[in-house]
Amino acid sequence: MTDIFSRITFGKKFSRLEGQLADKQKEVDYYKKVAQEAGQKRLLEVYQMTKLIEEKEIAEQEREKVIEELKTALNEVKTLQGFIPICASCKKIRDDTGYWNSIEKYIQEHSDATFSHGLCPECLEKIYGKEEWYNKFKNKDAGK
């Protein structure tokens, strides 16, 4: 009887230990799951942080590129500013040393502009209006 009694007692202890072990296993599984989810969240946070850092670096590189382009453009810009003394009759401009220069020369020296010369219709008429060849050309051109 003692043998049966010890077997029953042992069986109860065993069942109780198995129950405790199963409870502990459930607890371990729960904490594993929590740790895994936390790890995934942390991994996602690290990924997002890395992505933000990369985007910031790209934006900084683009900003530096724009700054360099602006510096280059600023270095290339020449502007005429202030009062420019000009002759009311011949339109020559007085430079800083007191010499009178043609308007074309002055502007070319103080800007990146270049000139191409021509005559407006009023000046053509004033200069060549009495010339026979001009009148023939003008009449021929008017027929078109």
Protein backbone atom coordinates (compact mmCIF):
# COMPACT_ATOMS: atom_id res chain seq x y z
CA MET A 1 0.00 0.00 0.00
CA THR A 2 2.74 2.29 0.76
CA ASP A 3 3.99 1.69 -2.68
CA ILE A 4 0.66 2.67 -4.23
CA PHE A 5 0.38 5.66 -1.91
CA SER A 6 3.85 6.89 -2.87
CA ARG A 7 3.02 6.41 -6.52
CA ILE A 8 -0.15 8.48 -6.18
CA THR A 9 1.72 11.17 -4.22
CA PHE A 10 4.50 11.12 -6.76
CA GLY A 11 1.94 11.28 -9.59
CA LYS A 12 0.25 14.29 -7.99
CA LYS A 13 3.60 16.01 -7.50
CA PHE A 14 4.52 15.15 -11.06
CA SER A 15 1.24 16.54 -12.40
CA ARG A 16 1.63 19.66 -10.29
CA LEU A 17 5.22 20.10 -11.55
CA GLU A 18 4.13 19.52 -15.11
CA GLY A 19 1.42 22.17 -14.66
CA GLN A 20 3.95 24.59 -13.22
CA LEU A 21 6.34 23.77 -16.02
CA ALA A 22 3.59 24.36 -18.60
CA ASP A 23 2.76 27.69 -16.90
CA LYS A 24 6.42 28.68 -16.97
CA GLN A 25 6.65 27.67 -20.62
CA LYS A 26 3.63 29.86 -21.41
CA GLU A 27 5.30 32.73 -19.57
CA VAL A 28 8.55 32.16 -21.48
CA ASP A 29 6.65 32.03 -24.78
CA TYR A 30 4.84 35.26 -23.88
CA TYR A 31 8.07 37.07 -23.08
CA LYS A 32 9.70 35.69 -26.23
CA LYS A 33 6.79 37.08 -28.25
CA VAL A 34 7.01 40.46 -26.49
CA ALA A 35 10.78 40.56 -27.02
CA GLN A 36 10.38 39.61 -30.67
CA GLU A 37 7.74 42.32 -31.23
CA ALA A 38 9.89 44.85 -29.39
CA GLY A 39 12.88 43.79 -31.44
CA GLN A 40 10.89 44.19 -34.66
CA LYS A 41 9.68 47.61 -33.51
CA ARG A 42 13.24 48.61 -32.65
CA LEU A 43 14.45 47.29 -35.99
CA LEU A 44 11.75 49.33 -37.75
CA GLU A 45 12.74 52.43 -35.75
CA VAL A 46 16.41 51.94 -36.69
CA TYR A 47 15.42 51.51 -40.35
CA GLN A 48 13.28 54.66 -40.29
CA MET A 49 16.06 56.61 -38.57
CA THR A 50 18.58 55.41 -41.16
CA LYS A 51 16.20 56.42 -43.96
CA LEU A 52 15.74 59.90 -42.43
CA ILE A 53 19.49 60.34 -42.09
CA GLU A 54 19.98 59.36 -45.75
CA GLU A 55 17.25 61.78 -46.87
CA LYS A 56 18.82 64.55 -44.77
CA GLU A 57 22.24 63.90 -46.32
CA ILE A 58 20.74 64.00 -49.83
CA ALA A 59 18.95 67.27 -49.01
CA GLU A 60 22.21 68.73 -47.64
CA GLN A 61 24.08 67.69 -50.80
CA GLU A 62 21.40 69.29 -52.97
CA ARG A 63 21.55 72.43 -50.81
CA GLU A 64 25.33 72.64 -51.21
CA LYS A 65 24.97 72.17 -54.97
CA VAL A 66 22.45 75.02 -55.17
CA ILE A 67 24.73 77.24 -53.05
CA GLU A 68 27.64 76.54 -55.41
CA GLU A 69 25.46 77.29 -58.45
CA LEU A 70 24.34 80.56 -56.85
CA LYS A 71 27.94 81.51 -56.04
CA THR A 72 28.94 80.79 -59.64
CA ALA A 73 26.02 82.81 -60.98
CA LEU A 74 26.82 85.68 -58.63
CA ASN A 75 30.44 85.71 -59.78
CA GLU A 76 29.31 85.87 -63.42
CA VAL A 77 26.84 88.72 -62.91
CA LYS A 78 27.99 92.21 -63.76
CA THR A 79 25.54 95.03 -63.21
CA LEU A 80 25.47 98.69 -64.01
CA GLN A 81 24.43 100.70 -60.98
CA GLY A 82 24.20 104.28 -59.86
CA PHE A 83 24.29 107.44 -61.95
CA ILE A 84 25.84 107.21 -65.40
CA PRO A 85 26.81 110.61 -66.84
CA ILE A 86 25.76 110.65 -70.49
CA CYS A 87 25.99 113.45 -73.10
CA ALA A 88 22.53 114.68 -74.05
CA SER A 89 23.63 115.21 -77.64
CA CYS A 90 26.04 112.49 -78.76
CA LYS A 91 25.16 109.93 -76.00
CA LYS A 92 28.81 109.34 -74.98
CA ILE A 93 29.31 108.30 -71.37
CA ARG A 94 31.87 109.80 -69.01
CA ASP A 95 33.86 107.12 -67.18
CA ASP A 96 35.38 107.32 -63.69
CA THR A 97 38.59 108.86 -65.06
CA GLY A 98 36.72 111.68 -66.83
CA TYR A 99 37.05 110.41 -70.40
CA TRP A 100 34.04 110.28 -72.71
CA ASN A 101 33.42 106.87 -74.29
CA SER A 102 30.83 105.55 -76.70
CA ILE A 103 27.85 104.01 -74.98
CA GLU A 104 28.72 100.64 -76.56
CA LYS A 105 32.26 100.64 -75.19
CA TYR A 106 31.13 101.67 -71.72
CA ILE A 107 28.43 99.00 -71.49
CA GLN A 108 30.71 96.28 -72.86
CA GLU A 109 33.37 97.13 -70.26
CA HIS A 110 30.87 97.15 -67.40
CA SER A 111 28.71 94.15 -68.34
CA ASP A 112 28.72 90.96 -70.36
CA ALA A 113 26.61 92.54 -73.09
CA THR A 114 27.80 92.75 -76.69
CA PHE A 115 26.39 94.90 -79.46
CA SER A 116 25.18 94.25 -82.96
CA HIS A 117 24.61 97.41 -84.98
CA GLY A 118 21.75 98.19 -87.30
CA LEU A 119 19.51 101.11 -88.20
CA CYS A 120 15.95 101.67 -87.13
CA PRO A 121 13.43 102.66 -89.86
CA GLU A 122 13.43 106.34 -88.81
CA CYS A 123 17.24 106.60 -89.03
CA LEU A 124 17.30 104.72 -92.34
CA GLU A 125 14.89 107.30 -93.74
CA LYS A 126 16.82 110.25 -92.29
CA ILE A 127 20.20 109.00 -93.58
CA TYR A 128 19.30 107.40 -96.91
CA GLY A 129 15.85 108.87 -97.68
CA LYS A 130 17.12 110.98 -100.58
CA GLU A 131 19.19 108.21 -102.13
CA GLU A 132 17.78 106.72 -105.33
CA TRP A 133 18.96 103.17 -104.58
CA TYR A 134 17.27 103.32 -101.16
CA ASN A 135 13.96 104.50 -102.59
CA LYS A 136 14.02 101.70 -105.21
CA PHE A 137 14.77 99.18 -102.47
CA LYS A 138 12.03 100.63 -100.25
CA ASN A 139 9.43 100.60 -103.04
CA LYS A 140 10.40 97.08 -104.07
CA ASP A 141 10.19 95.94 -100.43
CA ALA A 142 6.79 97.64 -100.00
CA GLY A 143 5.37 95.63 -102.93
CA LYS A 144 5.88 92.36 -101.08
